[in-house]
């Protein structure tokens, strides 16, 4: 019984140490939103990596109420957010689900403002 309590206590201590680091990490990602590079790559469904994380961050900052995970995977939720952002109610650009120079420019424009695109 003593061993179980020691393991549970150690696990709780570990969780207490890990939790602040993960929220600090999320805050850091938000602070770096829109600062991926000056030459953002063209992204489409299925893409992965840090550029997709930057895209997800920018979409979350541009679209009111958008709840995207910054997981670096351009899946269905990210695709839906791109389509919404490109549409008439937001950026009013060609809706193709591909994030190229025009979509990046519009995202950068809205992320440099203090209000949402839509």
PDB file of N, CA and C in Angstrom:
ATOM      1  N   UNK A   1       0.822  -1.190   0.000  1.00  0.00           N
ATOM      2  CA  UNK A   1       0.000   0.000   0.000  1.00  0.00           C
ATOM      3  C   UNK A   1       0.866   1.252   0.000  1.00  0.00           C
ATOM      4  N   UNK A   2       1.971   1.257   0.752  1.00  0.00           N
ATOM      5  CA  UNK A   2       2.850   2.418   0.808  1.00  0.00           C
ATOM      6  C   UNK A   2       3.455   2.714  -0.565  1.00  0.00           C
ATOM      7  N   UNK A   3       3.819   1.650  -1.316  1.00  0.00           N
ATOM      8  CA  UNK A   3       4.409   1.852  -2.635  1.00  0.00           C
ATOM      9  C   UNK A   3       3.420   2.551  -3.565  1.00  0.00           C
ATOM     10  N   UNK A   4       2.144   2.135  -3.531  1.00  0.00           N
ATOM     11  CA  UNK A   4       1.127   2.756  -4.372  1.00  0.00           C
ATOM     12  C   UNK A   4       0.999   4.241  -4.068  1.00  0.00           C
ATOM     13  N   UNK A   5       0.966   4.598  -2.803  1.00  0.00           N
ATOM     14  CA  UNK A   5       0.853   6.004  -2.417  1.00  0.00           C
ATOM     15  C   UNK A   5       2.059   6.801  -2.886  1.00  0.00           C
ATOM     16  N   UNK A   6       3.242   6.208  -2.791  1.00  0.00           N
ATOM     17  CA  UNK A   6       4.452   6.898  -3.231  1.00  0.00           C
ATOM     18  C   UNK A   6       4.415   7.136  -4.731  1.00  0.00           C
ATOM     19  N   UNK A   7       3.956   6.163  -5.494  1.00  0.00           N
ATOM     20  CA  UNK A   7       3.856   6.306  -6.942  1.00  0.00           C
ATOM     21  C   UNK A   7       2.824   7.366  -7.311  1.00  0.00           C
ATOM     22  N   UNK A   8       1.674   7.364  -6.640  1.00  0.00           N
ATOM     23  CA  UNK A   8       0.641   8.360  -6.906  1.00  0.00           C
ATOM     24  C   UNK A   8       1.148   9.753  -6.570  1.00  0.00           C
ATOM     25  N   UNK A   9       1.832   9.888  -5.443  1.00  0.00           N
ATOM     26  CA  UNK A   9       2.375  11.187  -5.043  1.00  0.00           C
ATOM     27  C   UNK A   9       3.423  11.659  -6.040  1.00  0.00           C
ATOM     28  N   UNK A  10       4.283  10.744  -6.489  1.00  0.00           N
ATOM     29  CA  UNK A  10       5.305  11.106  -7.474  1.00  0.00           C
ATOM     30  C   UNK A  10       4.655  11.524  -8.785  1.00  0.00           C
ATOM     31  N   UNK A  11       3.597  10.809  -9.198  1.00  0.00           N
ATOM     32  CA  UNK A  11       2.884  11.163 -10.427  1.00  0.00           C
ATOM     33  C   UNK A  11       2.236  12.523 -10.325  1.00  0.00           C
ATOM     34  N   UNK A  12       1.646  12.834  -9.175  1.00  0.00           N
ATOM     35  CA  UNK A  12       1.017  14.142  -8.972  1.00  0.00           C
ATOM     36  C   UNK A  12       2.062  15.241  -9.010  1.00  0.00           C
ATOM     37  N   UNK A  13       3.219  15.001  -8.418  1.00  0.00           N
ATOM     38  CA  UNK A  13       4.289  15.997  -8.439  1.00  0.00           C
ATOM     39  C   UNK A  13       4.762  16.226  -9.876  1.00  0.00           C
ATOM     40  N   UNK A  14       4.867  15.152 -10.639  1.00  0.00           N
ATOM     41  CA  UNK A  14       5.281  15.270 -12.036  1.00  0.00           C
ATOM     42  C   UNK A  14       4.270  16.076 -12.829  1.00  0.00           C
ATOM     43  N   UNK A  15       2.977  15.836 -12.624  1.00  0.00           N
ATOM     44  CA  UNK A  15       1.942  16.607 -13.311  1.00  0.00           C
ATOM     45  C   UNK A  15       2.033  18.082 -12.950  1.00  0.00           C
ATOM     46  N   UNK A  16       2.310  18.389 -11.707  1.00  0.00           N
ATOM     47  CA  UNK A  16       2.421  19.784 -11.280  1.00  0.00           C
ATOM     48  C   UNK A  16       3.585  20.473 -11.970  1.00  0.00           C
ATOM     49  N   UNK A  17       4.655  19.729 -12.228  1.00  0.00           N
ATOM     50  CA  UNK A  17       5.810  20.316 -12.896  1.00  0.00           C
ATOM     51  C   UNK A  17       5.549  20.480 -14.381  1.00  0.00           C
ATOM     52  N   UNK A  18       4.855  19.523 -15.000  1.00  0.00           N
ATOM     53  CA  UNK A  18       4.624  19.546 -16.444  1.00  0.00           C
ATOM     54  C   UNK A  18       3.561  20.571 -16.831  1.00  0.00           C
ATOM     55  N   UNK A  19       2.513  20.735 -16.056  1.00  0.00           N
ATOM     56  CA  UNK A  19       1.399  21.598 -16.435  1.00  0.00           C
ATOM     57  C   UNK A  19       1.806  23.030 -16.745  1.00  0.00           C
ATOM     58  N   UNK A  20       2.591  23.713 -15.888  1.00  0.00           N
ATOM     59  CA  UNK A  20       2.942  25.086 -16.228  1.00  0.00           C
ATOM     60  C   UNK A  20       3.766  25.177 -17.497  1.00  0.00           C
ATOM     61  N   UNK A  21       4.626  24.200 -17.758  1.00  0.00           N
ATOM     62  CA  UNK A  21       5.455  24.246 -18.958  1.00  0.00           C
ATOM     63  C   UNK A  21       4.601  24.174 -20.209  1.00  0.00           C
ATOM     64  N   UNK A  22       3.546  23.335 -20.204  1.00  0.00           N
ATOM     65  CA  UNK A  22       2.726  23.217 -21.402  1.00  0.00           C
ATOM     66  C   UNK A  22       1.925  24.495 -21.640  1.00  0.00           C
ATOM     67  N   UNK A  23       1.443  25.172 -20.580  1.00  0.00           N
ATOM     68  CA  UNK A  23       0.729  26.423 -20.817  1.00  0.00           C
ATOM     69  C   UNK A  23       1.691  27.518 -21.247  1.00  0.00           C
ATOM     70  N   UNK A  24       2.907  27.490 -20.752  1.00  0.00           N
ATOM     71  CA  UNK A  24       3.902  28.469 -21.191  1.00  0.00           C
ATOM     72  C   UNK A  24       4.221  28.236 -22.662  1.00  0.00           C
ATOM     73  N   UNK A  25       4.267  26.964 -23.060  1.00  0.00           N
ATOM     74  CA  UNK A  25       4.532  26.628 -24.450  1.00  0.00           C
ATOM     75  C   UNK A  25       3.423  27.150 -25.364  1.00  0.00           C
ATOM     76  N   UNK A  26       2.163  26.994 -24.956  1.00  0.00           N
ATOM     77  CA  UNK A  26       1.041  27.497 -25.754  1.00  0.00           C
ATOM     78  C   UNK A  26       1.106  29.016 -25.849  1.00  0.00           C
ATOM     79  N   UNK A  27       1.458  29.684 -24.754  1.00  0.00           N
ATOM     80  CA  UNK A  27       1.572  31.148 -24.769  1.00  0.00           C
ATOM     81  C   UNK A  27       2.694  31.583 -25.703  1.00  0.00           C
ATOM     82  N   UNK A  28       3.788  30.834 -25.710  1.00  0.00           N
ATOM     83  CA  UNK A  28       4.908  31.153 -26.605  1.00  0.00           C
ATOM     84  C   UNK A  28       4.480  30.995 -28.056  1.00  0.00           C
ATOM     85  N   UNK A  29       3.738  29.928 -28.354  1.00  0.00           N
ATOM     86  CA  UNK A  29       3.268  29.721 -29.727  1.00  0.00           C
ATOM     87  C   UNK A  29       2.379  30.871 -30.170  1.00  0.00           C
ATOM     88  N   UNK A  30       1.467  31.317 -29.296  1.00  0.00           N
ATOM     89  CA  UNK A  30       0.599  32.438 -29.644  1.00  0.00           C
ATOM     90  C   UNK A  30       1.404  33.711 -29.847  1.00  0.00           C
ATOM     91  N   UNK A  31       2.427  33.925 -29.033  1.00  0.00           N
ATOM     92  CA  UNK A  31       3.253  35.123 -29.163  1.00  0.00           C
ATOM     93  C   UNK A  31       4.017  35.120 -30.481  1.00  0.00           C
ATOM     94  N   UNK A  32       4.334  33.931 -31.006  1.00  0.00           N
ATOM     95  CA  UNK A  32       5.081  33.830 -32.258  1.00  0.00           C
ATOM     96  C   UNK A  32       4.170  33.644 -33.467  1.00  0.00           C
ATOM     97  N   UNK A  33       2.885  33.742 -33.260  1.00  0.00           N
ATOM     98  CA  UNK A  33       1.926  33.571 -34.335  1.00  0.00           C
ATOM     99  C   UNK A  33       2.199  34.584 -35.448  1.00  0.00           C
ATOM    100  N   UNK A  34       2.252  34.105 -36.676  1.00  0.00           N
ATOM    101  CA  UNK A  34       2.455  35.000 -37.811  1.00  0.00           C
ATOM    102  C   UNK A  34       3.906  35.335 -38.060  1.00  0.00           C
ATOM    103  N   UNK A  35       4.794  34.667 -37.368  1.00  0.00           N
ATOM    104  CA  UNK A  35       6.209  34.956 -37.552  1.00  0.00           C
ATOM    105  C   UNK A  35       6.954  33.713 -38.011  1.00  0.00           C
ATOM    106  N   UNK A  36       6.337  32.916 -38.881  1.00  0.00           N
ATOM    107  CA  UNK A  36       6.969  31.676 -39.321  1.00  0.00           C
ATOM    108  C   UNK A  36       8.165  31.975 -40.211  1.00  0.00           C
ATOM    109  N   UNK A  37       7.955  32.749 -41.237  1.00  0.00           N
ATOM    110  CA  UNK A  37       9.048  33.133 -42.133  1.00  0.00           C
ATOM    111  C   UNK A  37       8.536  34.193 -43.086  1.00  0.00           C
ATOM    112  N   UNK A  38       9.438  34.798 -43.795  1.00  0.00           N
ATOM    113  CA  UNK A  38       9.011  35.793 -44.775  1.00  0.00           C
ATOM    114  C   UNK A  38       8.617  35.133 -46.094  1.00  0.00           C
ATOM    115  N   UNK A  39       8.951  33.871 -46.255  1.00  0.00           N
ATOM    116  CA  UNK A  39       8.581  33.144 -47.471  1.00  0.00           C
ATOM    117  C   UNK A  39       7.837  31.871 -47.074  1.00  0.00           C
ATOM    118  N   UNK A  40       6.584  32.051 -46.699  1.00  0.00           N
ATOM    119  CA  UNK A  40       5.794  30.921 -46.260  1.00  0.00           C
ATOM    120  C   UNK A  40       5.575  29.939 -47.406  1.00  0.00           C
ATOM    121  N   UNK A  41       5.637  28.657 -47.105  1.00  0.00           N
ATOM    122  CA  UNK A  41       5.430  27.647 -48.152  1.00  0.00           C
ATOM    123  C   UNK A  41       3.957  27.527 -48.524  1.00  0.00           C
ATOM    124  N   UNK A  42       3.704  26.988 -49.701  1.00  0.00           N
ATOM    125  CA  UNK A  42       2.332  26.674 -50.103  1.00  0.00           C
ATOM    126  C   UNK A  42       1.925  25.417 -49.330  1.00  0.00           C
ATOM    127  N   UNK A  43       0.772  25.517 -48.675  1.00  0.00           N
ATOM    128  CA  UNK A  43       0.291  24.403 -47.854  1.00  0.00           C
ATOM    129  C   UNK A  43      -1.064  23.934 -48.352  1.00  0.00           C
ATOM    130  N   UNK A  44      -1.286  22.635 -48.265  1.00  0.00           N
ATOM    131  CA  UNK A  44      -2.582  22.048 -48.628  1.00  0.00           C
ATOM    132  C   UNK A  44      -2.852  20.863 -47.726  1.00  0.00           C
ATOM    133  N   UNK A  45      -4.066  20.343 -47.848  1.00  0.00           N
ATOM    134  CA  UNK A  45      -4.502  19.201 -47.042  1.00  0.00           C
ATOM    135  C   UNK A  45      -3.435  18.112 -47.048  1.00  0.00           C
ATOM    136  N   UNK A  46      -3.085  17.619 -45.853  1.00  0.00           N
ATOM    137  CA  UNK A  46      -2.088  16.558 -45.729  1.00  0.00           C
ATOM    138  C   UNK A  46      -0.706  17.053 -45.344  1.00  0.00           C
ATOM    139  N   UNK A  47      -0.456  18.369 -45.464  1.00  0.00           N
ATOM    140  CA  UNK A  47       0.847  18.914 -45.092  1.00  0.00           C
ATOM    141  C   UNK A  47       1.040  18.811 -43.576  1.00  0.00           C
ATOM    142  N   UNK A  48       2.298  18.749 -43.151  1.00  0.00           N
ATOM    143  CA  UNK A  48       2.612  18.690 -41.728  1.00  0.00           C
ATOM    144  C   UNK A  48       3.836  19.551 -41.444  1.00  0.00           C
ATOM    145  N   UNK A  49       4.018  19.883 -40.165  1.00  0.00           N
ATOM    146  CA  UNK A  49       5.230  20.578 -39.751  1.00  0.00           C
ATOM    147  C   UNK A  49       4.987  21.945 -39.146  1.00  0.00           C
ATOM    148  N   UNK A  50       6.092  22.662 -38.869  1.00  0.00           N
ATOM    149  CA  UNK A  50       6.019  23.959 -38.200  1.00  0.00           C
ATOM    150  C   UNK A  50       5.247  25.021 -38.999  1.00  0.00           C
ATOM    151  N   UNK A  51       5.300  24.969 -40.311  1.00  0.00           N
ATOM    152  CA  UNK A  51       4.554  25.938 -41.121  1.00  0.00           C
ATOM    153  C   UNK A  51       3.054  25.751 -40.938  1.00  0.00           C
ATOM    154  N   UNK A  52       2.615  24.517 -40.775  1.00  0.00           N
ATOM    155  CA  UNK A  52       1.193  24.243 -40.544  1.00  0.00           C
ATOM    156  C   UNK A  52       0.797  24.756 -39.159  1.00  0.00           C
ATOM    157  N   UNK A  53       1.670  24.594 -38.173  1.00  0.00           N
ATOM    158  CA  UNK A  53       1.404  25.144 -36.838  1.00  0.00           C
ATOM    159  C   UNK A  53       1.227  26.660 -36.920  1.00  0.00           C
ATOM    160  N   UNK A  54       2.092  27.323 -37.675  1.00  0.00           N
ATOM    161  CA  UNK A  54       1.992  28.775 -37.836  1.00  0.00           C
ATOM    162  C   UNK A  54       0.668  29.137 -38.512  1.00  0.00           C
ATOM    163  N   UNK A  55       0.281  28.362 -39.518  1.00  0.00           N
ATOM    164  CA  UNK A  55      -0.994  28.575 -40.194  1.00  0.00           C
ATOM    165  C   UNK A  55      -2.153  28.433 -39.213  1.00  0.00           C
ATOM    166  N   UNK A  56      -2.140  27.377 -38.431  1.00  0.00           N
ATOM    167  CA  UNK A  56      -3.214  27.145 -37.463  1.00  0.00           C
ATOM    168  C   UNK A  56      -3.295  28.287 -36.453  1.00  0.00           C
ATOM    169  N   UNK A  57      -2.172  28.777 -36.044  1.00  0.00           N
ATOM    170  CA  UNK A  57      -2.128  29.891 -35.104  1.00  0.00           C
ATOM    171  C   UNK A  57      -2.718  31.144 -35.740  1.00  0.00           C
ATOM    172  N   UNK A  58      -2.330  31.434 -36.968  1.00  0.00           N
ATOM    173  CA  UNK A  58      -2.840  32.622 -37.653  1.00  0.00           C
ATOM    174  C   UNK A  58      -4.341  32.512 -37.913  1.00  0.00           C
ATOM    175  N   UNK A  59      -4.805  31.338 -38.305  1.00  0.00           N
ATOM    176  CA  UNK A  59      -6.239  31.152 -38.522  1.00  0.00           C
ATOM    177  C   UNK A  59      -7.016  31.377 -37.226  1.00  0.00           C
ATOM    178  N   UNK A  60      -6.492  30.871 -36.121  1.00  0.00           N
ATOM    179  CA  UNK A  60      -7.151  31.043 -34.825  1.00  0.00           C
ATOM    180  C   UNK A  60      -7.202  32.505 -34.416  1.00  0.00           C
ATOM    181  N   UNK A  61      -6.198  33.268 -34.809  1.00  0.00           N
ATOM    182  CA  UNK A  61      -6.160  34.693 -34.482  1.00  0.00           C
ATOM    183  C   UNK A  61      -7.042  35.527 -35.403  1.00  0.00           C
ATOM    184  N   UNK A  62      -7.282  35.042 -36.618  1.00  0.00           N
ATOM    185  CA  UNK A  62      -8.039  35.817 -37.605  1.00  0.00           C
ATOM    186  C   UNK A  62      -9.540  35.542 -37.568  1.00  0.00           C
ATOM    187  N   UNK A  63      -9.945  34.342 -37.185  1.00  0.00           N
ATOM    188  CA  UNK A  63     -11.352  33.957 -37.232  1.00  0.00           C
ATOM    189  C   UNK A  63     -11.908  33.890 -35.810  1.00  0.00           C
ATOM    190  N   UNK A  64     -12.903  34.702 -35.536  1.00  0.00           N
ATOM    191  CA  UNK A  64     -13.508  34.737 -34.206  1.00  0.00           C
ATOM    192  C   UNK A  64     -14.100  33.377 -33.840  1.00  0.00           C
ATOM    193  N   UNK A  65     -13.758  32.892 -32.669  1.00  0.00           N
ATOM    194  CA  UNK A  65     -14.313  31.629 -32.185  1.00  0.00           C
ATOM    195  C   UNK A  65     -13.682  30.383 -32.781  1.00  0.00           C
ATOM    196  N   UNK A  66     -12.627  30.536 -33.577  1.00  0.00           N
ATOM    197  CA  UNK A  66     -11.979  29.375 -34.194  1.00  0.00           C
ATOM    198  C   UNK A  66     -11.177  28.631 -33.134  1.00  0.00           C
ATOM    199  N   UNK A  67     -11.439  27.361 -32.979  1.00  0.00           N
ATOM    200  CA  UNK A  67     -10.768  26.553 -31.969  1.00  0.00           C
ATOM    201  C   UNK A  67      -9.954  25.466 -32.658  1.00  0.00           C
ATOM    202  N   UNK A  68      -8.757  25.833 -33.106  1.00  0.00           N
ATOM    203  CA  UNK A  68      -7.877  24.868 -33.763  1.00  0.00           C
ATOM    204  C   UNK A  68      -6.765  24.453 -32.815  1.00  0.00           C
ATOM    205  N   UNK A  69      -6.414  23.187 -32.860  1.00  0.00           N
ATOM    206  CA  UNK A  69      -5.214  22.735 -32.159  1.00  0.00           C
ATOM    207  C   UNK A  69      -4.029  23.101 -33.031  1.00  0.00           C
ATOM    208  N   UNK A  70      -2.933  23.505 -32.404  1.00  0.00           N
ATOM    209  CA  UNK A  70      -1.713  23.797 -33.154  1.00  0.00           C
ATOM    210  C   UNK A  70      -0.870  22.517 -33.179  1.00  0.00           C
ATOM    211  N   UNK A  71      -1.373  21.512 -33.909  1.00  0.00           N
ATOM    212  CA  UNK A  71      -0.717  20.207 -33.923  1.00  0.00           C
ATOM    213  C   UNK A  71       0.189  20.006 -35.129  1.00  0.00           C
ATOM    214  N   UNK A  72       0.215  20.966 -36.049  1.00  0.00           N
ATOM    215  CA  UNK A  72       1.083  20.846 -37.216  1.00  0.00           C
ATOM    216  C   UNK A  72       0.592  19.888 -38.274  1.00  0.00           C
ATOM    217  N   UNK A  73      -0.694  19.531 -38.218  1.00  0.00           N
ATOM    218  CA  UNK A  73      -1.268  18.606 -39.203  1.00  0.00           C
ATOM    219  C   UNK A  73      -2.398  19.312 -39.945  1.00  0.00           C
ATOM    220  N   UNK A  74      -2.263  19.466 -41.243  1.00  0.00           N
ATOM    221  CA  UNK A  74      -3.281  20.112 -42.080  1.00  0.00           C
ATOM    222  C   UNK A  74      -4.335  19.065 -42.393  1.00  0.00           C
ATOM    223  N   UNK A  75      -5.245  18.881 -41.433  1.00  0.00           N
ATOM    224  CA  UNK A  75      -6.325  17.917 -41.587  1.00  0.00           C
ATOM    225  C   UNK A  75      -7.635  18.614 -41.900  1.00  0.00           C
ATOM    226  N   UNK A  76      -8.739  17.933 -41.624  1.00  0.00           N
ATOM    227  CA  UNK A  76     -10.062  18.446 -41.988  1.00  0.00           C
ATOM    228  C   UNK A  76     -10.404  19.748 -41.276  1.00  0.00           C
ATOM    229  N   UNK A  77     -10.106  19.862 -39.970  1.00  0.00           N
ATOM    230  CA  UNK A  77     -10.431  21.092 -39.243  1.00  0.00           C
ATOM    231  C   UNK A  77      -9.655  22.286 -39.797  1.00  0.00           C
ATOM    232  N   UNK A  78      -8.388  22.086 -40.090  1.00  0.00           N
ATOM    233  CA  UNK A  78      -7.572  23.172 -40.654  1.00  0.00           C
ATOM    234  C   UNK A  78      -8.083  23.525 -42.042  1.00  0.00           C
ATOM    235  N   UNK A  79      -8.405  22.520 -42.843  1.00  0.00           N
ATOM    236  CA  UNK A  79      -8.953  22.752 -44.179  1.00  0.00           C
ATOM    237  C   UNK A  79     -10.239  23.575 -44.095  1.00  0.00           C
ATOM    238  N   UNK A  80     -11.143  23.193 -43.184  1.00  0.00           N
ATOM    239  CA  UNK A  80     -12.393  23.932 -43.021  1.00  0.00           C
ATOM    240  C   UNK A  80     -12.137  25.381 -42.610  1.00  0.00           C
ATOM    241  N   UNK A  81     -11.145  25.594 -41.746  1.00  0.00           N
ATOM    242  CA  UNK A  81     -10.805  26.952 -41.320  1.00  0.00           C
ATOM    243  C   UNK A  81     -10.240  27.765 -42.488  1.00  0.00           C
ATOM    244  N   UNK A  82      -9.430  27.138 -43.325  1.00  0.00           N
ATOM    245  CA  UNK A  82      -8.863  27.822 -44.502  1.00  0.00           C
ATOM    246  C   UNK A  82      -9.992  28.232 -45.444  1.00  0.00           C
ATOM    247  N   UNK A  83     -10.913  27.311 -45.724  1.00  0.00           N
ATOM    248  CA  UNK A  83     -12.054  27.597 -46.607  1.00  0.00           C
ATOM    249  C   UNK A  83     -12.877  28.762 -46.038  1.00  0.00           C
ATOM    250  N   UNK A  84     -13.129  28.714 -44.730  1.00  0.00           N
ATOM    251  CA  UNK A  84     -13.899  29.793 -44.103  1.00  0.00           C
ATOM    252  C   UNK A  84     -13.156  31.122 -44.229  1.00  0.00           C
ATOM    253  N   UNK A  85     -11.862  31.120 -43.953  1.00  0.00           N
ATOM    254  CA  UNK A  85     -11.086  32.354 -44.021  1.00  0.00           C
ATOM    255  C   UNK A  85     -11.055  32.910 -45.448  1.00  0.00           C
ATOM    256  N   UNK A  86     -10.901  32.057 -46.425  1.00  0.00           N
ATOM    257  CA  UNK A  86     -10.823  32.514 -47.812  1.00  0.00           C
ATOM    258  C   UNK A  86     -12.158  33.051 -48.332  1.00  0.00           C
ATOM    259  N   UNK A  87     -13.249  32.668 -47.718  1.00  0.00           N
ATOM    260  CA  UNK A  87     -14.587  33.003 -48.215  1.00  0.00           C
ATOM    261  C   UNK A  87     -14.973  34.461 -48.137  1.00  0.00           C
ATOM    262  N   UNK A  88     -16.183  34.753 -48.621  1.00  0.00           N
ATOM    263  CA  UNK A  88     -16.705  36.120 -48.728  1.00  0.00           C
ATOM    264  C   UNK A  88     -16.797  36.843 -47.394  1.00  0.00           C
ATOM    265  N   UNK A  89     -17.126  36.110 -46.325  1.00  0.00           N
ATOM    266  CA  UNK A  89     -17.317  36.750 -45.026  1.00  0.00           C
ATOM    267  C   UNK A  89     -15.994  37.155 -44.380  1.00  0.00           C
ATOM    268  N   UNK A  90     -14.904  36.607 -44.861  1.00  0.00           N
ATOM    269  CA  UNK A  90     -13.599  36.904 -44.257  1.00  0.00           C
ATOM    270  C   UNK A  90     -12.704  37.660 -45.244  1.00  0.00           C
ATOM    271  N   UNK A  91     -11.803  36.942 -45.895  1.00  0.00           N
ATOM    272  CA  UNK A  91     -10.812  37.579 -46.765  1.00  0.00           C
ATOM    273  C   UNK A  91     -11.339  37.899 -48.163  1.00  0.00           C
ATOM    274  N   UNK A  92     -12.401  37.203 -48.576  1.00  0.00           N
ATOM    275  CA  UNK A  92     -12.993  37.395 -49.901  1.00  0.00           C
ATOM    276  C   UNK A  92     -11.968  37.196 -51.026  1.00  0.00           C
ATOM    277  N   UNK A  93     -11.289  36.060 -50.949  1.00  0.00           N
ATOM    278  CA  UNK A  93     -10.336  35.675 -51.992  1.00  0.00           C
ATOM    279  C   UNK A  93     -10.785  34.331 -52.568  1.00  0.00           C
ATOM    280  N   UNK A  94     -10.091  33.843 -53.602  1.00  0.00           N
ATOM    281  CA  UNK A  94     -10.459  32.558 -54.198  1.00  0.00           C
ATOM    282  C   UNK A  94     -10.461  31.460 -53.136  1.00  0.00           C
ATOM    283  N   UNK A  95     -11.545  30.713 -53.094  1.00  0.00           N
ATOM    284  CA  UNK A  95     -11.698  29.628 -52.125  1.00  0.00           C
ATOM    285  C   UNK A  95     -11.251  28.330 -52.784  1.00  0.00           C
ATOM    286  N   UNK A  96     -10.032  27.895 -52.419  1.00  0.00           N
ATOM    287  CA  UNK A  96      -9.519  26.653 -52.995  1.00  0.00           C
ATOM    288  C   UNK A  96      -8.940  25.717 -51.937  1.00  0.00           C
ATOM    289  N   UNK A  97      -8.897  26.152 -50.676  1.00  0.00           N
ATOM    290  CA  UNK A  97      -8.362  25.312 -49.616  1.00  0.00           C
ATOM    291  C   UNK A  97      -6.855  25.204 -49.603  1.00  0.00           C
ATOM    292  N   UNK A  98      -6.192  25.905 -50.516  1.00  0.00           N
ATOM    293  CA  UNK A  98      -4.732  25.908 -50.593  1.00  0.00           C
ATOM    294  C   UNK A  98      -4.232  27.233 -50.028  1.00  0.00           C
ATOM    295  N   UNK A  99      -3.225  27.155 -49.178  1.00  0.00           N
ATOM    296  CA  UNK A  99      -2.665  28.364 -48.567  1.00  0.00           C
ATOM    297  C   UNK A  99      -1.399  28.739 -49.324  1.00  0.00           C
ATOM    298  N   UNK A 100      -1.561  29.700 -50.237  1.00  0.00           N
ATOM    299  CA  UNK A 100      -0.449  30.207 -51.023  1.00  0.00           C
ATOM    300  C   UNK A 100      -0.171  31.655 -50.656  1.00  0.00           C
ATOM    301  N   UNK A 101       0.556  32.378 -51.509  1.00  0.00           N
ATOM    302  CA  UNK A 101       0.965  33.746 -51.195  1.00  0.00           C
ATOM    303  C   UNK A 101      -0.198  34.702 -50.882  1.00  0.00           C
ATOM    304  N   UNK A 102      -1.307  34.578 -51.585  1.00  0.00           N
ATOM    305  CA  UNK A 102      -2.434  35.498 -51.352  1.00  0.00           C
ATOM    306  C   UNK A 102      -3.087  35.219 -49.998  1.00  0.00           C
ATOM    307  N   UNK A 103      -3.296  33.950 -49.682  1.00  0.00           N
ATOM    308  CA  UNK A 103      -3.898  33.604 -48.391  1.00  0.00           C
ATOM    309  C   UNK A 103      -2.960  33.992 -47.251  1.00  0.00           C
ATOM    310  N   UNK A 104      -1.661  33.711 -47.383  1.00  0.00           N
ATOM    311  CA  UNK A 104      -0.699  34.112 -46.345  1.00  0.00           C
ATOM    312  C   UNK A 104      -0.723  35.628 -46.153  1.00  0.00           C
ATOM    313  N   UNK A 105      -0.757  36.371 -47.247  1.00  0.00           N
ATOM    314  CA  UNK A 105      -0.764  37.841 -47.147  1.00  0.00           C
ATOM    315  C   UNK A 105      -1.997  38.334 -46.411  1.00  0.00           C
ATOM    316  N   UNK A 106      -3.150  37.742 -46.710  1.00  0.00           N
ATOM    317  CA  UNK A 106      -4.380  38.136 -46.022  1.00  0.00           C
ATOM    318  C   UNK A 106      -4.326  37.755 -44.536  1.00  0.00           C
ATOM    319  N   UNK A 107      -3.792  36.581 -44.234  1.00  0.00           N
ATOM    320  CA  UNK A 107      -3.641  36.172 -42.831  1.00  0.00           C
ATOM    321  C   UNK A 107      -2.719  37.141 -42.092  1.00  0.00           C
ATOM    322  N   UNK A 108      -1.602  37.490 -42.726  1.00  0.00           N
ATOM    323  CA  UNK A 108      -0.669  38.436 -42.104  1.00  0.00           C
ATOM    324  C   UNK A 108      -1.341  39.785 -41.879  1.00  0.00           C
ATOM    325  N   UNK A 109      -2.116  40.211 -42.857  1.00  0.00           N
ATOM    326  CA  UNK A 109      -2.828  41.494 -42.746  1.00  0.00           C
ATOM    327  C   UNK A 109      -3.757  41.487 -41.534  1.00  0.00           C
ATOM    328  N   UNK A 110      -4.553  40.440 -41.405  1.00  0.00           N
ATOM    329  CA  UNK A 110      -5.503  40.384 -40.300  1.00  0.00           C
ATOM    330  C   UNK A 110      -4.834  40.144 -38.966  1.00  0.00           C
ATOM    331  N   UNK A 111      -3.714  39.440 -38.958  1.00  0.00           N
ATOM    332  CA  UNK A 111      -3.027  39.192 -37.695  1.00  0.00           C
ATOM    333  C   UNK A 111      -2.260  40.417 -37.207  1.00  0.00           C
ATOM    334  N   UNK A 112      -2.062  41.390 -38.064  1.00  0.00           N
ATOM    335  CA  UNK A 112      -1.437  42.642 -37.645  1.00  0.00           C
ATOM    336  C   UNK A 112      -2.469  43.666 -37.183  1.00  0.00           C
ATOM    337  N   UNK A 113      -3.750  43.332 -37.270  1.00  0.00           N
ATOM    338  CA  UNK A 113      -4.828  44.196 -36.784  1.00  0.00           C
ATOM    339  C   UNK A 113      -5.247  43.738 -35.397  1.00  0.00           C
ATOM    340  N   UNK A 114      -5.999  44.578 -34.738  1.00  0.00           N
ATOM    341  CA  UNK A 114      -6.423  44.237 -33.377  1.00  0.00           C
ATOM    342  C   UNK A 114      -7.815  43.578 -33.349  1.00  0.00           C
ATOM    343  N   UNK A 115      -8.420  43.335 -34.511  1.00  0.00           N
ATOM    344  CA  UNK A 115      -9.723  42.693 -34.544  1.00  0.00           C
ATOM    345  C   UNK A 115      -9.705  41.508 -35.507  1.00  0.00           C
ATOM    346  N   UNK A 116     -10.744  40.699 -35.448  1.00  0.00           N
ATOM    347  CA  UNK A 116     -10.831  39.509 -36.283  1.00  0.00           C
ATOM    348  C   UNK A 116     -11.270  39.858 -37.706  1.00  0.00           C
ATOM    349  N   UNK A 117     -10.855  39.020 -38.652  1.00  0.00           N
ATOM    350  CA  UNK A 117     -11.300  39.178 -40.044  1.00  0.00           C
ATOM    351  C   UNK A 117     -12.769  38.824 -40.153  1.00  0.00           C
ATOM    352  N   UNK A 118     -13.192  37.838 -39.422  1.00  0.00           N
ATOM    353  CA  UNK A 118     -14.593  37.396 -39.455  1.00  0.00           C
ATOM    354  C   UNK A 118     -14.922  36.623 -38.207  1.00  0.00           C
TER     355      UNK A 118
END
